[in-house]
């Protein structure tokens, strides 16, 4: 059981690192501007560490016996929980409105798509650690 918990948490933490890099890169490369999104975080340790811890905690959902043989679908399914939290709680608490629309109309799409990548990576990692 410890191996499963460790694999799920580590997959989530590394997936969150990948997600953090993707968000940062989108700002640096101008993709955020092209999409009309005003969010351009600095790739700094406190920001990344916090995201990695929460990413690991969220992906403990991988311990649930749902779609065990479907890595991609499973990762996408479990990534919907942190997406909902971000869109319905975190971004509104930052003063950016429901779904983070204060950052731009494409923000909900960006959150869900990047979290799909995070979830798929975490699910793949977890599948490799059994």
Protein backbone atom coordinates (compact mmCIF):
# COMPACT_ATOMS: atom_id res chain seq x y z
CA UNK A 1 0.00 0.00 0.00
CA UNK A 2 2.88 2.38 0.74
CA UNK A 3 4.16 1.89 -2.82
CA UNK A 4 0.74 2.82 -4.22
CA UNK A 5 0.43 5.92 -2.05
CA UNK A 6 3.98 6.96 -2.89
CA UNK A 7 3.43 6.38 -6.61
CA UNK A 8 0.19 8.38 -6.66
CA UNK A 9 1.63 11.28 -4.66
CA UNK A 10 4.90 11.38 -6.64
CA UNK A 11 3.05 11.19 -9.96
CA UNK A 12 0.87 14.09 -8.88
CA UNK A 13 3.81 16.14 -7.62
CA UNK A 14 5.82 15.60 -10.83
CA UNK A 15 2.71 16.23 -12.92
CA UNK A 16 2.25 19.52 -11.06
CA UNK A 17 5.88 20.41 -11.77
CA UNK A 18 5.19 19.79 -15.47
CA UNK A 19 1.99 21.83 -15.22
CA UNK A 20 3.84 24.70 -13.51
CA UNK A 21 6.48 24.67 -16.24
CA UNK A 22 3.78 24.70 -18.92
CA UNK A 23 2.02 27.69 -17.36
CA UNK A 24 5.29 29.57 -16.96
CA UNK A 25 6.41 28.71 -20.50
CA UNK A 26 3.10 29.92 -21.95
CA UNK A 27 3.77 33.33 -20.42
CA UNK A 28 7.40 33.51 -21.52
CA UNK A 29 6.73 32.29 -25.07
CA UNK A 30 3.82 34.67 -25.60
CA UNK A 31 1.18 31.95 -25.80
CA UNK A 32 -0.72 33.53 -22.90
CA UNK A 33 -0.81 36.87 -24.76
CA UNK A 34 -1.96 35.15 -27.94
CA UNK A 35 -4.81 33.48 -26.00
CA UNK A 36 -5.66 36.73 -24.22
CA UNK A 37 -4.78 35.43 -20.78
CA UNK A 38 -3.27 37.84 -18.28
CA UNK A 39 -1.72 35.18 -16.04
CA UNK A 40 2.07 35.04 -16.28
CA UNK A 41 3.53 33.60 -13.08
CA UNK A 42 7.18 33.75 -12.19
CA UNK A 43 8.81 30.31 -11.99
CA UNK A 44 9.84 30.67 -8.35
CA UNK A 45 10.40 27.96 -5.74
CA UNK A 46 7.55 28.91 -3.34
CA UNK A 47 5.01 28.92 -6.18
CA UNK A 48 6.27 25.62 -7.63
CA UNK A 49 6.61 23.80 -4.28
CA UNK A 50 3.07 24.71 -3.22
CA UNK A 51 1.71 23.46 -6.54
CA UNK A 52 3.71 20.23 -6.29
CA UNK A 53 2.41 19.45 -2.80
CA UNK A 54 -1.19 20.09 -3.80
CA UNK A 55 -0.65 18.19 -7.06
CA UNK A 56 0.52 15.17 -5.08
CA UNK A 57 -2.40 15.37 -2.68
CA UNK A 58 -4.96 15.64 -5.49
CA UNK A 59 -3.55 12.63 -7.29
CA UNK A 60 -4.07 10.42 -4.26
CA UNK A 61 -7.40 10.02 -6.09
CA UNK A 62 -5.50 7.50 -8.23
CA UNK A 63 -5.83 5.09 -5.31
CA UNK A 64 -9.54 4.75 -6.16
CA UNK A 65 -10.27 1.60 -8.20
CA UNK A 66 -11.70 3.42 -11.23
CA UNK A 67 -10.68 2.66 -14.84
CA UNK A 68 -7.45 0.97 -13.76
CA UNK A 69 -6.47 -0.07 -17.28
CA UNK A 70 -7.26 3.27 -18.93
CA UNK A 71 -4.33 5.55 -18.09
CA UNK A 72 -5.35 8.55 -20.21
CA UNK A 73 -9.06 8.52 -19.34
CA UNK A 74 -8.27 7.99 -15.67
CA UNK A 75 -5.82 10.89 -15.57
CA UNK A 76 -8.29 13.16 -17.32
CA UNK A 77 -11.12 12.13 -14.97
CA UNK A 78 -9.13 12.73 -11.79
CA UNK A 79 -7.76 16.03 -13.10
CA UNK A 80 -11.30 17.42 -13.15
CA UNK A 81 -11.34 17.72 -9.33
CA UNK A 82 -8.39 20.16 -9.09
CA UNK A 83 -9.70 21.96 -12.19
CA UNK A 84 -13.04 22.53 -10.47
CA UNK A 85 -11.28 23.72 -7.31
CA UNK A 86 -9.18 26.17 -9.32
CA UNK A 87 -12.09 27.50 -11.38
CA UNK A 88 -14.71 27.64 -8.63
CA UNK A 89 -12.67 28.50 -5.51
CA UNK A 90 -9.04 29.58 -6.07
CA UNK A 91 -9.40 31.97 -9.01
CA UNK A 92 -12.55 33.64 -7.63
CA UNK A 93 -10.78 34.09 -4.25
CA UNK A 94 -7.99 35.91 -6.14
CA UNK A 95 -10.61 38.41 -7.35
CA UNK A 96 -10.62 37.04 -10.90
CA UNK A 97 -14.28 35.99 -10.92
CA UNK A 98 -15.98 32.68 -11.44
CA UNK A 99 -13.92 30.42 -13.71
CA UNK A 100 -11.07 32.95 -13.57
CA UNK A 101 -12.59 34.96 -16.39
CA UNK A 102 -10.81 38.03 -15.02
CA UNK A 103 -7.64 36.55 -16.52
CA UNK A 104 -9.36 36.18 -19.91
CA UNK A 105 -12.12 34.26 -21.65
CA UNK A 106 -9.84 31.32 -22.45
CA UNK A 107 -8.78 30.77 -18.83
CA UNK A 108 -11.24 27.92 -18.13
CA UNK A 109 -10.07 26.08 -21.26
CA UNK A 110 -6.40 26.56 -20.35
CA UNK A 111 -6.98 25.31 -16.79
CA UNK A 112 -8.79 22.17 -17.95
CA UNK A 113 -6.36 21.36 -20.80
CA UNK A 114 -3.23 21.87 -18.69
CA UNK A 115 -4.76 19.84 -15.87
CA UNK A 116 -5.54 17.06 -18.35
CA UNK A 117 -1.82 16.92 -19.14
CA UNK A 118 -1.03 16.91 -15.41
CA UNK A 119 -3.54 14.14 -14.73
CA UNK A 120 -2.40 11.98 -17.64
CA UNK A 121 1.23 12.27 -16.56
CA UNK A 122 0.33 11.45 -12.94
CA UNK A 123 -1.77 8.48 -14.04
CA UNK A 124 1.04 7.19 -16.25
CA UNK A 125 3.57 7.56 -13.42
CA UNK A 126 1.27 5.73 -11.03
CA UNK A 127 0.81 2.91 -13.55
CA UNK A 128 4.61 2.46 -13.69
CA UNK A 129 5.05 2.16 -9.93
CA UNK A 130 2.84 -0.84 -9.17
